[in-house]
PDB file of N, CA and C in Angstrom:
ATOM      1  N   MET A   1      45.594  51.667-235.712  1.00  0.00           N
ATOM      2  CA  MET A   1      44.922  51.509-234.427  1.00  0.00           C
ATOM      3  C   MET A   1      45.768  50.616-233.530  1.00  0.00           C
ATOM      4  N   ALA A   2      46.149  51.134-232.388  1.00  0.00           N
ATOM      5  CA  ALA A   2      46.882  50.335-231.404  1.00  0.00           C
ATOM      6  C   ALA A   2      45.887  49.503-230.600  1.00  0.00           C
ATOM      7  N   VAL A   3      46.151  48.230-230.496  1.00  0.00           N
ATOM      8  CA  VAL A   3      45.289  47.320-229.747  1.00  0.00           C
ATOM      9  C   VAL A   3      45.679  47.393-228.277  1.00  0.00           C
ATOM     10  N   THR A   4      44.657  47.504-227.401  1.00  0.00           N
ATOM     11  CA  THR A   4      44.871  47.548-225.957  1.00  0.00           C
ATOM     12  C   THR A   4      43.991  46.501-225.282  1.00  0.00           C
ATOM     13  N   LYS A   5      44.141  46.347-223.979  1.00  0.00           N
ATOM     14  CA  LYS A   5      43.308  45.416-223.217  1.00  0.00           C
ATOM     15  C   LYS A   5      41.832  45.763-223.319  1.00  0.00           C
ATOM     16  N   ASP A   6      41.539  47.045-223.499  1.00  0.00           N
ATOM     17  CA  ASP A   6      40.152  47.503-223.558  1.00  0.00           C
ATOM     18  C   ASP A   6      39.545  47.420-224.953  1.00  0.00           C
ATOM     19  N   SER A   7      40.354  47.092-225.949  1.00  0.00           N
ATOM     20  CA  SER A   7      39.841  46.986-227.317  1.00  0.00           C
ATOM     21  C   SER A   7      38.793  45.879-227.385  1.00  0.00           C
ATOM     22  N   LEU A   8      37.726  46.144-228.115  1.00  0.00           N
ATOM     23  CA  LEU A   8      36.680  45.142-228.295  1.00  0.00           C
ATOM     24  C   LEU A   8      37.074  44.199-229.424  1.00  0.00           C
ATOM     25  N   ILE A   9      36.765  42.933-229.251  1.00  0.00           N
ATOM     26  CA  ILE A   9      37.115  41.936-230.255  1.00  0.00           C
ATOM     27  C   ILE A   9      36.558  42.341-231.620  1.00  0.00           C
ATOM     28  N   GLY A  10      35.312  42.770-231.656  1.00  0.00           N
ATOM     29  CA  GLY A  10      34.683  43.161-232.916  1.00  0.00           C
ATOM     30  C   GLY A  10      35.429  44.287-233.610  1.00  0.00           C
ATOM     31  N   GLU A  11      35.887  45.269-232.858  1.00  0.00           N
ATOM     32  CA  GLU A  11      36.623  46.397-233.432  1.00  0.00           C
ATOM     33  C   GLU A  11      37.992  45.955-233.969  1.00  0.00           C
ATOM     34  N   VAL A  12      38.644  45.090-233.219  1.00  0.00           N
ATOM     35  CA  VAL A  12      39.965  44.602-233.631  1.00  0.00           C
ATOM     36  C   VAL A  12      39.847  43.844-234.953  1.00  0.00           C
ATOM     37  N   ILE A  13      38.837  42.986-235.059  1.00  0.00           N
ATOM     38  CA  ILE A  13      38.640  42.193-236.276  1.00  0.00           C
ATOM     39  C   ILE A  13      38.226  43.079-237.445  1.00  0.00           C
ATOM     40  N   GLN A  14      37.394  44.063-237.171  1.00  0.00           N
ATOM     41  CA  GLN A  14      36.966  44.970-238.233  1.00  0.00           C
ATOM     42  C   GLN A  14      38.158  45.755-238.779  1.00  0.00           C
ATOM     43  N   GLU A  15      39.033  46.184-237.905  1.00  0.00           N
ATOM     44  CA  GLU A  15      40.216  46.955-238.305  1.00  0.00           C
ATOM     45  C   GLU A  15      41.231  46.067-239.041  1.00  0.00           C
ATOM     46  N   ASN A  16      41.363  44.812-238.577  1.00  0.00           N
ATOM     47  CA  ASN A  16      42.347  43.898-239.161  1.00  0.00           C
ATOM     48  C   ASN A  16      41.778  42.478-239.185  1.00  0.00           C
ATOM     49  N   PRO A  17      41.181  42.071-240.305  1.00  0.00           N
ATOM     50  CA  PRO A  17      40.606  40.723-240.389  1.00  0.00           C
ATOM     51  C   PRO A  17      41.603  39.601-240.096  1.00  0.00           C
ATOM     52  N   ASN A  18      42.894  39.851-240.274  1.00  0.00           N
ATOM     53  CA  ASN A  18      43.907  38.835-239.959  1.00  0.00           C
ATOM     54  C   ASN A  18      43.988  38.562-238.462  1.00  0.00           C
ATOM     55  N   ALA A  19      43.385  39.418-237.650  1.00  0.00           N
ATOM     56  CA  ALA A  19      43.397  39.235-236.199  1.00  0.00           C
ATOM     57  C   ALA A  19      42.658  37.962-235.790  1.00  0.00           C
ATOM     58  N   VAL A  20      41.709  37.516-236.612  1.00  0.00           N
ATOM     59  CA  VAL A  20      40.962  36.295-236.293  1.00  0.00           C
ATOM     60  C   VAL A  20      41.928  35.128-236.105  1.00  0.00           C
ATOM     61  N   GLU A  21      42.859  34.981-237.025  1.00  0.00           N
ATOM     62  CA  GLU A  21      43.822  33.886-236.949  1.00  0.00           C
ATOM     63  C   GLU A  21      44.679  33.992-235.684  1.00  0.00           C
ATOM     64  N   ILE A  22      45.083  35.202-235.349  1.00  0.00           N
ATOM     65  CA  ILE A  22      45.903  35.419-234.152  1.00  0.00           C
ATOM     66  C   ILE A  22      45.103  35.086-232.898  1.00  0.00           C
ATOM     67  N   LEU A  23      43.879  35.585-232.818  1.00  0.00           N
ATOM     68  CA  LEU A  23      43.039  35.310-231.650  1.00  0.00           C
ATOM     69  C   LEU A  23      42.781  33.816-231.503  1.00  0.00           C
ATOM     70  N   MET A  24      42.521  33.144-232.608  1.00  0.00           N
ATOM     71  CA  MET A  24      42.276  31.699-232.547  1.00  0.00           C
ATOM     72  C   MET A  24      43.528  30.944-232.114  1.00  0.00           C
ATOM     73  N   SER A  25      44.692  31.452-232.468  1.00  0.00           N
ATOM     74  CA  SER A  25      45.930  30.785-232.047  1.00  0.00           C
ATOM     75  C   SER A  25      46.126  30.873-230.536  1.00  0.00           C
ATOM     76  N   PHE A  26      45.462  31.827-229.903  1.00  0.00           N
ATOM     77  CA  PHE A  26      45.517  31.962-228.444  1.00  0.00           C
ATOM     78  C   PHE A  26      44.367  31.223-227.760  1.00  0.00           C
ATOM     79  N   GLY A  27      43.576  30.474-228.538  1.00  0.00           N
ATOM     80  CA  GLY A  27      42.507  29.672-227.964  1.00  0.00           C
ATOM     81  C   GLY A  27      41.151  30.355-227.923  1.00  0.00           C
ATOM     82  N   LEU A  28      41.026  31.501-228.565  1.00  0.00           N
ATOM     83  CA  LEU A  28      39.741  32.192-228.608  1.00  0.00           C
ATOM     84  C   LEU A  28      38.994  31.760-229.867  1.00  0.00           C
ATOM     85  N   GLY A  29      38.427  30.588-229.815  1.00  0.00           N
ATOM     86  CA  GLY A  29      37.740  30.020-230.973  1.00  0.00           C
ATOM     87  C   GLY A  29      36.371  30.601-231.235  1.00  0.00           C
ATOM     88  N   CYS A  30      35.879  31.402-230.324  1.00  0.00           N
ATOM     89  CA  CYS A  30      34.513  31.936-230.459  1.00  0.00           C
ATOM     90  C   CYS A  30      34.508  33.371-230.969  1.00  0.00           C
ATOM     91  N   VAL A  31      35.522  33.763-231.724  1.00  0.00           N
ATOM     92  CA  VAL A  31      35.617  35.155-232.169  1.00  0.00           C
ATOM     93  C   VAL A  31      34.475  35.558-233.089  1.00  0.00           C
ATOM     94  N   GLY A  32      33.812  34.606-233.710  1.00  0.00           N
ATOM     95  CA  GLY A  32      32.690  34.920-234.586  1.00  0.00           C
ATOM     96  C   GLY A  32      31.357  35.007-233.857  1.00  0.00           C
ATOM     97  N   CYS A  33      31.339  34.640-232.604  1.00  0.00           N
ATOM     98  CA  CYS A  33      30.110  34.664-231.806  1.00  0.00           C
ATOM     99  C   CYS A  33      29.642  36.104-231.612  1.00  0.00           C
ATOM    100  N   PRO A  34      28.352  36.374-231.794  1.00  0.00           N
ATOM    101  CA  PRO A  34      27.860  37.759-231.640  1.00  0.00           C
ATOM    102  C   PRO A  34      28.187  38.389-230.288  1.00  0.00           C
ATOM    103  N   SER A  35      28.105  37.636-229.211  1.00  0.00           N
ATOM    104  CA  SER A  35      28.394  38.226-227.897  1.00  0.00           C
ATOM    105  C   SER A  35      29.877  38.513-227.731  1.00  0.00           C
ATOM    106  N   ALA A  36      30.736  37.735-228.375  1.00  0.00           N
ATOM    107  CA  ALA A  36      32.174  37.958-228.274  1.00  0.00           C
ATOM    108  C   ALA A  36      32.574  39.256-228.961  1.00  0.00           C
ATOM    109  N   GLN A  37      31.806  39.697-229.927  1.00  0.00           N
ATOM    110  CA  GLN A  37      32.134  40.914-230.662  1.00  0.00           C
ATOM    111  C   GLN A  37      32.162  42.137-229.745  1.00  0.00           C
ATOM    112  N   MET A  38      31.399  42.120-228.665  1.00  0.00           N
ATOM    113  CA  MET A  38      31.329  43.248-227.735  1.00  0.00           C
ATOM    114  C   MET A  38      32.143  43.014-226.464  1.00  0.00           C
ATOM    115  N   GLU A  39      32.968  41.978-226.486  1.00  0.00           N
ATOM    116  CA  GLU A  39      33.803  41.633-225.331  1.00  0.00           C
ATOM    117  C   GLU A  39      35.191  42.244-225.521  1.00  0.00           C
ATOM    118  N   SER A  40      35.757  42.755-224.446  1.00  0.00           N
ATOM    119  CA  SER A  40      37.111  43.309-224.550  1.00  0.00           C
ATOM    120  C   SER A  40      38.113  42.161-224.610  1.00  0.00           C
ATOM    121  N   LEU A  41      39.291  42.468-225.112  1.00  0.00           N
ATOM    122  CA  LEU A  41      40.342  41.451-225.170  1.00  0.00           C
ATOM    123  C   LEU A  41      40.709  40.972-223.771  1.00  0.00           C
ATOM    124  N   GLU A  42      40.698  41.885-222.808  1.00  0.00           N
ATOM    125  CA  GLU A  42      41.031  41.500-221.435  1.00  0.00           C
ATOM    126  C   GLU A  42      39.990  40.527-220.876  1.00  0.00           C
ATOM    127  N   GLU A  43      38.703  40.790-221.132  1.00  0.00           N
ATOM    128  CA  GLU A  43      37.643  39.894-220.660  1.00  0.00           C
ATOM    129  C   GLU A  43      37.773  38.517-221.300  1.00  0.00           C
ATOM    130  N   ALA A  44      38.014  38.492-222.606  1.00  0.00           N
ATOM    131  CA  ALA A  44      38.152  37.221-223.314  1.00  0.00           C
ATOM    132  C   ALA A  44      39.367  36.451-222.807  1.00  0.00           C
ATOM    133  N   ALA A  45      40.452  37.138-222.565  1.00  0.00           N
ATOM    134  CA  ALA A  45      41.663  36.483-222.065  1.00  0.00           C
ATOM    135  C   ALA A  45      41.414  35.847-220.700  1.00  0.00           C
ATOM    136  N   MET A  46      40.691  36.555-219.841  1.00  0.00           N
ATOM    137  CA  MET A  46      40.400  36.009-218.504  1.00  0.00           C
ATOM    138  C   MET A  46      39.553  34.748-218.613  1.00  0.00           C
ATOM    139  N   VAL A  47      38.533  34.773-219.460  1.00  0.00           N
ATOM    140  CA  VAL A  47      37.639  33.626-219.617  1.00  0.00           C
ATOM    141  C   VAL A  47      38.393  32.410-220.148  1.00  0.00           C
ATOM    142  N   HIS A  48      39.335  32.648-221.052  1.00  0.00           N
ATOM    143  CA  HIS A  48      40.050  31.550-221.702  1.00  0.00           C
ATOM    144  C   HIS A  48      41.398  31.237-221.072  1.00  0.00           C
ATOM    145  N   GLY A  49      41.751  31.944-219.997  1.00  0.00           N
ATOM    146  CA  GLY A  49      43.013  31.677-219.311  1.00  0.00           C
ATOM    147  C   GLY A  49      44.240  32.003-220.154  1.00  0.00           C
ATOM    148  N   VAL A  50      44.143  33.101-220.905  1.00  0.00           N
ATOM    149  CA  VAL A  50      45.218  33.507-221.813  1.00  0.00           C
ATOM    150  C   VAL A  50      45.940  34.715-221.227  1.00  0.00           C
ATOM    151  N   ASN A  51      47.253  34.787-221.444  1.00  0.00           N
ATOM    152  CA  ASN A  51      48.020  35.955-221.028  1.00  0.00           C
ATOM    153  C   ASN A  51      47.685  37.097-221.977  1.00  0.00           C
ATOM    154  N   VAL A  52      46.960  38.073-221.482  1.00  0.00           N
ATOM    155  CA  VAL A  52      46.482  39.172-222.327  1.00  0.00           C
ATOM    156  C   VAL A  52      47.623  39.995-222.903  1.00  0.00           C
ATOM    157  N   ASP A  53      48.694  40.168-222.149  1.00  0.00           N
ATOM    158  CA  ASP A  53      49.822  40.966-222.640  1.00  0.00           C
ATOM    159  C   ASP A  53      50.483  40.318-223.859  1.00  0.00           C
ATOM    160  N   ASN A  54      50.631  38.995-223.824  1.00  0.00           N
ATOM    161  CA  ASN A  54      51.206  38.292-224.974  1.00  0.00           C
ATOM    162  C   ASN A  54      50.289  38.391-226.191  1.00  0.00           C
ATOM    163  N   MET A  55      48.993  38.296-225.955  1.00  0.00           N
ATOM    164  CA  MET A  55      48.026  38.377-227.053  1.00  0.00           C
ATOM    165  C   MET A  55      48.042  39.781-227.666  1.00  0.00           C
ATOM    166  N   ILE A  56      48.084  40.806-226.832  1.00  0.00           N
ATOM    167  CA  ILE A  56      48.114  42.200-227.317  1.00  0.00           C
ATOM    168  C   ILE A  56      49.380  42.440-228.137  1.00  0.00           C
ATOM    169  N   GLU A  57      50.494  41.918-227.642  1.00  0.00           N
ATOM    170  CA  GLU A  57      51.757  42.089-228.365  1.00  0.00           C
ATOM    171  C   GLU A  57      51.665  41.459-229.765  1.00  0.00           C
ATOM    172  N   ALA A  58      51.095  40.256-229.846  1.00  0.00           N
ATOM    173  CA  ALA A  58      50.961  39.580-231.137  1.00  0.00           C
ATOM    174  C   ALA A  58      50.031  40.363-232.070  1.00  0.00           C
ATOM    175  N   LEU A  59      48.966  40.911-231.542  1.00  0.00           N
ATOM    176  CA  LEU A  59      48.014  41.657-232.367  1.00  0.00           C
ATOM    177  C   LEU A  59      48.595  42.977-232.863  1.00  0.00           C
ATOM    178  N   ASN A  60      49.486  43.562-232.113  1.00  0.00           N
ATOM    179  CA  ASN A  60      50.071  44.849-232.496  1.00  0.00           C
ATOM    180  C   ASN A  60      51.254  44.722-233.451  1.00  0.00           C
ATOM    181  N   LYS A  61      51.710  43.488-233.715  1.00  0.00           N
ATOM    182  CA  LYS A  61      52.834  43.297-234.631  1.00  0.00           C
ATOM    183  C   LYS A  61      52.399  43.499-236.055  1.00  0.00           C
TER     184      LYS A  61
END
């Protein structure tokens, strides 16, 4: 599964549990929150002031 800006956090974590560590390294500490599970990576990046392109690149490695 290729991760995109529109990918939901919950789907990314379900596909690759190691994504939690990557997301947390970008400052997304609320990845376990129920509402965050339905949030897109782009939405989460905007809220946390993270460069979404860098985060997507790290998740796709």
